[in-house]
Amino acid sequence: MTRTINVALIGKAGCHLCDEARITVAAVLGEFRAANTGVARHVQVNFVEHDILVDDELRAQFSEEIPVVTINGKVHNYWRIDPVRLRAALDEFSY
């Protein structure tokens, strides 16, 4: 059975914290995918970015908290994204 983990980064262009979050999330997802794919493991990770400048609903909800990382639709963290905490959360969802 394949488990799917949906990760989203909500931010905007020109936001230095969003740029830092993007780098952190990419690194963590890269390591996680490397460790959790293949014959013995069946984990699918989908990643998407949302820009609050083009989405009125997200802007109303998160404009003061960006960057925001969600996992399977629930807020995981905002502002500064801790790579250790993100990896632990992904590990929890993979089992």
PDB file of N, CA and C in Angstrom:
ATOM      1  N   MET A   1       0.841  -1.185   0.000  1.00  0.00           N
ATOM      2  CA  MET A   1       0.000   0.000   0.000  1.00  0.00           C
ATOM      3  C   MET A   1       0.884   1.245   0.000  1.00  0.00           C
ATOM      4  N   THR A   2       0.591   2.167  -0.878  1.00  0.00           N
ATOM      5  CA  THR A   2       1.359   3.405  -0.967  1.00  0.00           C
ATOM      6  C   THR A   2       0.757   4.458  -0.053  1.00  0.00           C
ATOM      7  N   ARG A   3       1.611   5.087   0.712  1.00  0.00           N
ATOM      8  CA  ARG A   3       1.194   6.220   1.543  1.00  0.00           C
ATOM      9  C   ARG A   3       1.579   7.496   0.804  1.00  0.00           C
ATOM     10  N   THR A   4       0.666   8.447   0.801  1.00  0.00           N
ATOM     11  CA  THR A   4       0.924   9.724   0.151  1.00  0.00           C
ATOM     12  C   THR A   4       0.988  10.819   1.196  1.00  0.00           C
ATOM     13  N   ILE A   5       2.035  11.604   1.110  1.00  0.00           N
ATOM     14  CA  ILE A   5       2.211  12.758   1.985  1.00  0.00           C
ATOM     15  C   ILE A   5       2.211  13.988   1.098  1.00  0.00           C
ATOM     16  N   ASN A   6       1.309  14.915   1.385  1.00  0.00           N
ATOM     17  CA  ASN A   6       1.207  16.157   0.620  1.00  0.00           C
ATOM     18  C   ASN A   6       1.800  17.297   1.441  1.00  0.00           C
ATOM     19  N   VAL A   7       2.850  17.890   0.910  1.00  0.00           N
ATOM     20  CA  VAL A   7       3.534  18.991   1.578  1.00  0.00           C
ATOM     21  C   VAL A   7       3.334  20.240   0.737  1.00  0.00           C
ATOM     22  N   ALA A   8       2.974  21.334   1.395  1.00  0.00           N
ATOM     23  CA  ALA A   8       2.799  22.607   0.693  1.00  0.00           C
ATOM     24  C   ALA A   8       3.596  23.697   1.401  1.00  0.00           C
ATOM     25  N   LEU A   9       4.154  24.580   0.608  1.00  0.00           N
ATOM     26  CA  LEU A   9       4.822  25.770   1.126  1.00  0.00           C
ATOM     27  C   LEU A   9       4.006  26.965   0.658  1.00  0.00           C
ATOM     28  N   ILE A  10       3.544  27.747   1.603  1.00  0.00           N
ATOM     29  CA  ILE A  10       2.749  28.937   1.307  1.00  0.00           C
ATOM     30  C   ILE A  10       3.626  30.149   1.589  1.00  0.00           C
ATOM     31  N   GLY A  11       3.817  30.985   0.591  1.00  0.00           N
ATOM     32  CA  GLY A  11       4.676  32.149   0.753  1.00  0.00           C
ATOM     33  C   GLY A  11       4.389  33.176  -0.311  1.00  0.00           C
ATOM     34  N   LYS A  12       5.410  33.962  -0.623  1.00  0.00           N
ATOM     35  CA  LYS A  12       5.287  34.956  -1.683  1.00  0.00           C
ATOM     36  C   LYS A  12       6.669  35.308  -2.200  1.00  0.00           C
ATOM     37  N   ALA A  13       6.701  35.835  -3.405  1.00  0.00           N
ATOM     38  CA  ALA A  13       7.951  36.276  -4.010  1.00  0.00           C
ATOM     39  C   ALA A  13       8.518  37.458  -3.225  1.00  0.00           C
ATOM     40  N   GLY A  14       9.837  37.505  -3.120  1.00  0.00           N
ATOM     41  CA  GLY A  14      10.485  38.611  -2.434  1.00  0.00           C
ATOM     42  C   GLY A  14      10.549  38.465  -0.930  1.00  0.00           C
ATOM     43  N   CYS A  15      10.137  37.346  -0.405  1.00  0.00           N
ATOM     44  CA  CYS A  15      10.136  37.089   1.044  1.00  0.00           C
ATOM     45  C   CYS A  15      11.376  36.261   1.380  1.00  0.00           C
ATOM     46  N   HIS A  16      12.315  36.844   2.117  1.00  0.00           N
ATOM     47  CA  HIS A  16      13.559  36.122   2.402  1.00  0.00           C
ATOM     48  C   HIS A  16      13.322  34.884   3.272  1.00  0.00           C
ATOM     49  N   LEU A  17      12.372  34.943   4.184  1.00  0.00           N
ATOM     50  CA  LEU A  17      12.063  33.751   4.975  1.00  0.00           C
ATOM     51  C   LEU A  17      11.475  32.651   4.098  1.00  0.00           C
ATOM     52  N   CYS A  18      10.705  33.043   3.105  1.00  0.00           N
ATOM     53  CA  CYS A  18      10.141  32.056   2.165  1.00  0.00           C
ATOM     54  C   CYS A  18      11.248  31.404   1.352  1.00  0.00           C
ATOM     55  N   ASP A  19      12.234  32.186   0.947  1.00  0.00           N
ATOM     56  CA  ASP A  19      13.374  31.632   0.211  1.00  0.00           C
ATOM     57  C   ASP A  19      14.138  30.634   1.074  1.00  0.00           C
ATOM     58  N   GLU A  20      14.360  30.985   2.330  1.00  0.00           N
ATOM     59  CA  GLU A  20      15.038  30.067   3.254  1.00  0.00           C
ATOM     60  C   GLU A  20      14.213  28.807   3.473  1.00  0.00           C
ATOM     61  N   ALA A  21      12.904  28.958   3.625  1.00  0.00           N
ATOM     62  CA  ALA A  21      12.020  27.813   3.825  1.00  0.00           C
ATOM     63  C   ALA A  21      12.048  26.887   2.613  1.00  0.00           C
ATOM     64  N   ARG A  22      12.054  27.469   1.427  1.00  0.00           N
ATOM     65  CA  ARG A  22      12.086  26.680   0.187  1.00  0.00           C
ATOM     66  C   ARG A  22      13.331  25.797   0.147  1.00  0.00           C
ATOM     67  N   ILE A  23      14.475  26.353   0.518  1.00  0.00           N
ATOM     68  CA  ILE A  23      15.724  25.603   0.539  1.00  0.00           C
ATOM     69  C   ILE A  23      15.658  24.491   1.584  1.00  0.00           C
ATOM     70  N   THR A  24      15.163  24.810   2.759  1.00  0.00           N
ATOM     71  CA  THR A  24      15.058  23.820   3.832  1.00  0.00           C
ATOM     72  C   THR A  24      14.124  22.686   3.445  1.00  0.00           C
ATOM     73  N   VAL A  25      12.954  23.031   2.945  1.00  0.00           N
ATOM     74  CA  VAL A  25      11.970  22.004   2.566  1.00  0.00           C
ATOM     75  C   VAL A  25      12.525  21.129   1.449  1.00  0.00           C
ATOM     76  N   ALA A  26      13.161  21.725   0.455  1.00  0.00           N
ATOM     77  CA  ALA A  26      13.722  20.946  -0.653  1.00  0.00           C
ATOM     78  C   ALA A  26      14.774  19.965  -0.153  1.00  0.00           C
ATOM     79  N   ALA A  27      15.630  20.412   0.746  1.00  0.00           N
ATOM     80  CA  ALA A  27      16.674  19.534   1.280  1.00  0.00           C
ATOM     81  C   ALA A  27      16.075  18.383   2.081  1.00  0.00           C
ATOM     82  N   VAL A  28      15.124  18.698   2.949  1.00  0.00           N
ATOM     83  CA  VAL A  28      14.498  17.659   3.776  1.00  0.00           C
ATOM     84  C   VAL A  28      13.724  16.670   2.907  1.00  0.00           C
ATOM     85  N   LEU A  29      12.967  17.175   1.943  1.00  0.00           N
ATOM     86  CA  LEU A  29      12.211  16.279   1.065  1.00  0.00           C
ATOM     87  C   LEU A  29      13.140  15.405   0.229  1.00  0.00           C
ATOM     88  N   GLY A  30      14.247  15.942  -0.213  1.00  0.00           N
ATOM     89  CA  GLY A  30      15.215  15.157  -0.968  1.00  0.00           C
ATOM     90  C   GLY A  30      15.762  14.006  -0.148  1.00  0.00           C
ATOM     91  N   GLU A  31      16.160  14.295   1.081  1.00  0.00           N
ATOM     92  CA  GLU A  31      16.673  13.246   1.975  1.00  0.00           C
ATOM     93  C   GLU A  31      15.584  12.231   2.301  1.00  0.00           C
ATOM     94  N   PHE A  32      14.392  12.723   2.566  1.00  0.00           N
ATOM     95  CA  PHE A  32      13.288  11.834   2.927  1.00  0.00           C
ATOM     96  C   PHE A  32      12.934  10.908   1.770  1.00  0.00           C
ATOM     97  N   ARG A  33      12.840  11.467   0.578  1.00  0.00           N
ATOM     98  CA  ARG A  33      12.510  10.647  -0.589  1.00  0.00           C
ATOM     99  C   ARG A  33      13.587   9.588  -0.833  1.00  0.00           C
ATOM    100  N   ALA A  34      14.839   9.959  -0.672  1.00  0.00           N
ATOM    101  CA  ALA A  34      15.928   9.008  -0.884  1.00  0.00           C
ATOM    102  C   ALA A  34      15.846   7.837   0.091  1.00  0.00           C
ATOM    103  N   ALA A  35      15.439   8.130   1.316  1.00  0.00           N
ATOM    104  CA  ALA A  35      15.370   7.088   2.350  1.00  0.00           C
ATOM    105  C   ALA A  35      14.082   6.283   2.313  1.00  0.00           C
ATOM    106  N   ASN A  36      13.051   6.794   1.647  1.00  0.00           N
ATOM    107  CA  ASN A  36      11.729   6.168   1.738  1.00  0.00           C
ATOM    108  C   ASN A  36      11.105   5.775   0.417  1.00  0.00           C
ATOM    109  N   THR A  37      11.914   5.578  -0.584  1.00  0.00           N
ATOM    110  CA  THR A  37      11.393   5.091  -1.853  1.00  0.00           C
ATOM    111  C   THR A  37      12.141   3.823  -2.224  1.00  0.00           C
ATOM    112  N   GLY A  38      11.616   3.123  -3.160  1.00  0.00           N
ATOM    113  CA  GLY A  38      12.250   1.889  -3.595  1.00  0.00           C
ATOM    114  C   GLY A  38      11.350   0.698  -3.366  1.00  0.00           C
ATOM    115  N   VAL A  39      11.907  -0.474  -3.524  1.00  0.00           N
ATOM    116  CA  VAL A  39      11.140  -1.710  -3.464  1.00  0.00           C
ATOM    117  C   VAL A  39      10.512  -1.939  -2.093  1.00  0.00           C
ATOM    118  N   ALA A  40      11.262  -1.695  -1.038  1.00  0.00           N
ATOM    119  CA  ALA A  40      10.776  -2.022   0.306  1.00  0.00           C
ATOM    120  C   ALA A  40       9.851  -0.969   0.892  1.00  0.00           C
ATOM    121  N   ARG A  41       9.894   0.243   0.380  1.00  0.00           N
ATOM    122  CA  ARG A  41       9.100   1.334   0.946  1.00  0.00           C
ATOM    123  C   ARG A  41       8.171   1.897  -0.114  1.00  0.00           C
ATOM    124  N   HIS A  42       7.007   2.269   0.298  1.00  0.00           N
ATOM    125  CA  HIS A  42       6.020   2.797  -0.644  1.00  0.00           C
ATOM    126  C   HIS A  42       5.466   4.112  -0.103  1.00  0.00           C
ATOM    127  N   VAL A  43       6.258   5.148  -0.234  1.00  0.00           N
ATOM    128  CA  VAL A  43       5.857   6.465   0.222  1.00  0.00           C
ATOM    129  C   VAL A  43       5.949   7.421  -0.962  1.00  0.00           C
ATOM    130  N   GLN A  44       4.871   8.110  -1.229  1.00  0.00           N
ATOM    131  CA  GLN A  44       4.819   9.116  -2.284  1.00  0.00           C
ATOM    132  C   GLN A  44       4.738  10.478  -1.612  1.00  0.00           C
ATOM    133  N   VAL A  45       5.617  11.393  -1.987  1.00  0.00           N
ATOM    134  CA  VAL A  45       5.586  12.745  -1.436  1.00  0.00           C
ATOM    135  C   VAL A  45       5.285  13.712  -2.566  1.00  0.00           C
ATOM    136  N   ASN A  46       4.204  14.451  -2.410  1.00  0.00           N
ATOM    137  CA  ASN A  46       3.836  15.497  -3.362  1.00  0.00           C
ATOM    138  C   ASN A  46       4.163  16.846  -2.732  1.00  0.00           C
ATOM    139  N   PHE A  47       4.774  17.725  -3.506  1.00  0.00           N
ATOM    140  CA  PHE A  47       5.124  19.046  -3.007  1.00  0.00           C
ATOM    141  C   PHE A  47       4.555  20.101  -3.948  1.00  0.00           C
ATOM    142  N   VAL A  48       3.975  21.133  -3.357  1.00  0.00           N
ATOM    143  CA  VAL A  48       3.426  22.237  -4.136  1.00  0.00           C
ATOM    144  C   VAL A  48       3.697  23.542  -3.387  1.00  0.00           C
ATOM    145  N   GLU A  49       3.892  24.604  -4.154  1.00  0.00           N
ATOM    146  CA  GLU A  49       4.034  25.943  -3.568  1.00  0.00           C
ATOM    147  C   GLU A  49       2.817  26.771  -3.923  1.00  0.00           C
ATOM    148  N   HIS A  50       2.392  27.594  -2.972  1.00  0.00           N
ATOM    149  CA  HIS A  50       1.277  28.512  -3.186  1.00  0.00           C
ATOM    150  C   HIS A  50       1.767  29.926  -2.891  1.00  0.00           C
ATOM    151  N   ASP A  51       1.366  30.855  -3.719  1.00  0.00           N
ATOM    152  CA  ASP A  51       1.751  32.258  -3.574  1.00  0.00           C
ATOM    153  C   ASP A  51       0.542  33.046  -3.073  1.00  0.00           C
ATOM    154  N   ILE A  52       0.689  33.666  -1.915  1.00  0.00           N
ATOM    155  CA  ILE A  52      -0.439  34.416  -1.345  1.00  0.00           C
ATOM    156  C   ILE A  52      -0.785  35.657  -2.165  1.00  0.00           C
ATOM    157  N   LEU A  53       0.114  36.062  -3.052  1.00  0.00           N
ATOM    158  CA  LEU A  53      -0.167  37.233  -3.876  1.00  0.00           C
ATOM    159  C   LEU A  53      -1.155  36.930  -4.997  1.00  0.00           C
ATOM    160  N   VAL A  54      -1.367  35.644  -5.283  1.00  0.00           N
ATOM    161  CA  VAL A  54      -2.314  35.283  -6.340  1.00  0.00           C
ATOM    162  C   VAL A  54      -3.490  34.463  -5.805  1.00  0.00           C
ATOM    163  N   ASP A  55      -3.546  34.269  -4.500  1.00  0.00           N
ATOM    164  CA  ASP A  55      -4.629  33.483  -3.898  1.00  0.00           C
ATOM    165  C   ASP A  55      -5.209  34.273  -2.726  1.00  0.00           C
ATOM    166  N   ASP A  56      -6.364  34.892  -2.950  1.00  0.00           N
ATOM    167  CA  ASP A  56      -6.972  35.762  -1.936  1.00  0.00           C
ATOM    168  C   ASP A  56      -7.285  35.025  -0.637  1.00  0.00           C
ATOM    169  N   GLU A  57      -7.739  33.787  -0.749  1.00  0.00           N
ATOM    170  CA  GLU A  57      -8.084  33.013   0.449  1.00  0.00           C
ATOM    171  C   GLU A  57      -6.847  32.732   1.298  1.00  0.00           C
ATOM    172  N   LEU A  58      -5.766  32.320   0.666  1.00  0.00           N
ATOM    173  CA  LEU A  58      -4.532  32.066   1.414  1.00  0.00           C
ATOM    174  C   LEU A  58      -3.961  33.359   1.985  1.00  0.00           C
ATOM    175  N   ARG A  59      -4.047  34.446   1.231  1.00  0.00           N
ATOM    176  CA  ARG A  59      -3.556  35.739   1.725  1.00  0.00           C
ATOM    177  C   ARG A  59      -4.320  36.142   2.978  1.00  0.00           C
ATOM    178  N   ALA A  60      -5.634  35.986   2.981  1.00  0.00           N
ATOM    179  CA  ALA A  60      -6.440  36.340   4.146  1.00  0.00           C
ATOM    180  C   ALA A  60      -6.104  35.457   5.345  1.00  0.00           C
ATOM    181  N   GLN A  61      -5.806  34.211   5.076  1.00  0.00           N
ATOM    182  CA  GLN A  61      -5.553  33.263   6.158  1.00  0.00           C
ATOM    183  C   GLN A  61      -4.128  33.330   6.700  1.00  0.00           C
ATOM    184  N   PHE A  62      -3.136  33.557   5.832  1.00  0.00           N
ATOM    185  CA  PHE A  62      -1.742  33.383   6.245  1.00  0.00           C
ATOM    186  C   PHE A  62      -0.835  34.591   6.044  1.00  0.00           C
ATOM    187  N   SER A  63      -1.339  35.746   5.681  1.00  0.00           N
ATOM    188  CA  SER A  63      -0.463  36.866   5.312  1.00  0.00           C
ATOM    189  C   SER A  63       0.518  37.264   6.407  1.00  0.00           C
ATOM    190  N   GLU A  64       0.177  37.062   7.650  1.00  0.00           N
ATOM    191  CA  GLU A  64       1.063  37.444   8.758  1.00  0.00           C
ATOM    192  C   GLU A  64       1.954  36.306   9.226  1.00  0.00           C
ATOM    193  N   GLU A  65       1.835  35.131   8.623  1.00  0.00           N
ATOM    194  CA  GLU A  65       2.569  33.961   9.116  1.00  0.00           C
ATOM    195  C   GLU A  65       3.540  33.369   8.104  1.00  0.00           C
ATOM    196  N   ILE A  66       3.601  33.888   6.888  1.00  0.00           N
ATOM    197  CA  ILE A  66       4.417  33.237   5.865  1.00  0.00           C
ATOM    198  C   ILE A  66       5.900  33.277   6.233  1.00  0.00           C
ATOM    199  N   PRO A  67       6.623  32.274   5.810  1.00  0.00           N
ATOM    200  CA  PRO A  67       6.189  31.093   5.093  1.00  0.00           C
ATOM    201  C   PRO A  67       5.477  30.104   6.014  1.00  0.00           C
ATOM    202  N   VAL A  68       4.579  29.351   5.430  1.00  0.00           N
ATOM    203  CA  VAL A  68       3.831  28.322   6.153  1.00  0.00           C
ATOM    204  C   VAL A  68       4.060  26.997   5.430  1.00  0.00           C
ATOM    205  N   VAL A  69       4.344  25.959   6.200  1.00  0.00           N
ATOM    206  CA  VAL A  69       4.434  24.613   5.637  1.00  0.00           C
ATOM    207  C   VAL A  69       3.256  23.814   6.167  1.00  0.00           C
ATOM    208  N   THR A  70       2.534  23.177   5.246  1.00  0.00           N
ATOM    209  CA  THR A  70       1.452  22.293   5.658  1.00  0.00           C
ATOM    210  C   THR A  70       1.816  20.866   5.251  1.00  0.00           C
ATOM    211  N   ILE A  71       1.326  19.927   6.041  1.00  0.00           N
ATOM    212  CA  ILE A  71       1.471  18.510   5.723  1.00  0.00           C
ATOM    213  C   ILE A  71       0.074  17.920   5.742  1.00  0.00           C
ATOM    214  N   ASN A  72      -0.302  17.352   4.612  1.00  0.00           N
ATOM    215  CA  ASN A  72      -1.646  16.788   4.438  1.00  0.00           C
ATOM    216  C   ASN A  72      -2.737  17.764   4.860  1.00  0.00           C
ATOM    217  N   GLY A  73      -2.534  19.037   4.489  1.00  0.00           N
ATOM    218  CA  GLY A  73      -3.546  20.056   4.705  1.00  0.00           C
ATOM    219  C   GLY A  73      -3.559  20.723   6.064  1.00  0.00           C
ATOM    220  N   LYS A  74      -2.695  20.270   6.966  1.00  0.00           N
ATOM    221  CA  LYS A  74      -2.649  20.860   8.307  1.00  0.00           C
ATOM    222  C   LYS A  74      -1.356  21.636   8.475  1.00  0.00           C
ATOM    223  N   VAL A  75      -1.449  22.797   9.124  1.00  0.00           N
ATOM    224  CA  VAL A  75      -0.264  23.617   9.343  1.00  0.00           C
ATOM    225  C   VAL A  75       0.730  22.840  10.194  1.00  0.00           C
ATOM    226  N   HIS A  76       1.937  22.723   9.668  1.00  0.00           N
ATOM    227  CA  HIS A  76       3.029  22.081  10.398  1.00  0.00           C
ATOM    228  C   HIS A  76       3.854  23.131  11.133  1.00  0.00           C
ATOM    229  N   ASN A  77       4.213  24.206  10.408  1.00  0.00           N
ATOM    230  CA  ASN A  77       5.077  25.232  10.988  1.00  0.00           C
ATOM    231  C   ASN A  77       4.972  26.502  10.162  1.00  0.00           C
ATOM    232  N   TYR A  78       5.404  27.610  10.731  1.00  0.00           N
ATOM    233  CA  TYR A  78       5.452  28.860   9.987  1.00  0.00           C
ATOM    234  C   TYR A  78       6.637  29.687  10.447  1.00  0.00           C
ATOM    235  N   TRP A  79       6.949  30.713   9.686  1.00  0.00           N
ATOM    236  CA  TRP A  79       8.098  31.608   9.818  1.00  0.00           C
ATOM    237  C   TRP A  79       9.414  30.873   9.569  1.00  0.00           C
ATOM    238  N   ARG A  80      10.025  30.352  10.566  1.00  0.00           N
ATOM    239  CA  ARG A  80      11.307  29.639  10.401  1.00  0.00           C
ATOM    240  C   ARG A  80      11.025  28.141  10.424  1.00  0.00           C
ATOM    241  N   ILE A  81      11.407  27.453   9.376  1.00  0.00           N
ATOM    242  CA  ILE A  81      11.118  26.035   9.241  1.00  0.00           C
ATOM    243  C   ILE A  81      12.313  25.238   9.770  1.00  0.00           C
ATOM    244  N   ASP A  82      12.067  24.458  10.802  1.00  0.00           N
ATOM    245  CA  ASP A  82      13.106  23.642  11.434  1.00  0.00           C
ATOM    246  C   ASP A  82      13.228  22.321  10.668  1.00  0.00           C
ATOM    247  N   PRO A  83      14.391  22.040  10.068  1.00  0.00           N
ATOM    248  CA  PRO A  83      14.522  20.824   9.270  1.00  0.00           C
ATOM    249  C   PRO A  83      14.377  19.540  10.094  1.00  0.00           C
ATOM    250  N   VAL A  84      14.841  19.536  11.312  1.00  0.00           N
ATOM    251  CA  VAL A  84      14.735  18.343  12.160  1.00  0.00           C
ATOM    252  C   VAL A  84      13.270  18.064  12.487  1.00  0.00           C
ATOM    253  N   ARG A  85      12.545  19.094  12.810  1.00  0.00           N
ATOM    254  CA  ARG A  85      11.120  18.941  13.131  1.00  0.00           C
ATOM    255  C   ARG A  85      10.316  18.507  11.901  1.00  0.00           C
ATOM    256  N   LEU A  86      10.654  19.065  10.731  1.00  0.00           N
ATOM    257  CA  LEU A  86       9.965  18.687   9.503  1.00  0.00           C
ATOM    258  C   LEU A  86      10.240  17.226   9.173  1.00  0.00           C
ATOM    259  N   ARG A  87      11.481  16.799   9.292  1.00  0.00           N
ATOM    260  CA  ARG A  87      11.814  15.399   8.991  1.00  0.00           C
ATOM    261  C   ARG A  87      11.092  14.460   9.947  1.00  0.00           C
ATOM    262  N   ALA A  88      11.032  14.812  11.218  1.00  0.00           N
ATOM    263  CA  ALA A  88      10.320  13.968  12.191  1.00  0.00           C
ATOM    264  C   ALA A  88       8.842  13.856  11.834  1.00  0.00           C
ATOM    265  N   ALA A  89       8.251  14.947  11.408  1.00  0.00           N
ATOM    266  CA  ALA A  89       6.837  14.920  11.025  1.00  0.00           C
ATOM    267  C   ALA A  89       6.626  14.028   9.797  1.00  0.00           C
ATOM    268  N   LEU A  90       7.510  14.124   8.824  1.00  0.00           N
ATOM    269  CA  LEU A  90       7.399  13.283   7.637  1.00  0.00           C
ATOM    270  C   LEU A  90       7.557  11.812   8.010  1.00  0.00           C
ATOM    271  N   ASP A  91       8.483  11.530   8.905  1.00  0.00           N
ATOM    272  CA  ASP A  91       8.669  10.152   9.360  1.00  0.00           C
ATOM    273  C   ASP A  91       7.408   9.617  10.014  1.00  0.00           C
ATOM    274  N   GLU A  92       6.733  10.441  10.803  1.00  0.00           N
ATOM    275  CA  GLU A  92       5.478  10.010  11.444  1.00  0.00           C
ATOM    276  C   GLU A  92       4.414   9.665  10.410  1.00  0.00           C
ATOM    277  N   PHE A  93       4.314  10.464   9.362  1.00  0.00           N
ATOM    278  CA  PHE A  93       3.297  10.231   8.331  1.00  0.00           C
ATOM    279  C   PHE A  93       3.639   9.032   7.444  1.00  0.00           C
ATOM    280  N   SER A  94       4.878   8.602   7.438  1.00  0.00           N
ATOM    281  CA  SER A  94       5.273   7.534   6.526  1.00  0.00           C
ATOM    282  C   SER A  94       4.951   6.130   7.063  1.00  0.00           C
ATOM    283  N   TYR A  95       4.557   6.046   8.324  1.00  0.00           N
ATOM    284  CA  TYR A  95       4.253   4.715   8.901  1.00  0.00           C
ATOM    285  C   TYR A  95       2.778   4.515   9.111  1.00  0.00           C
TER     286      TYR A  95
END
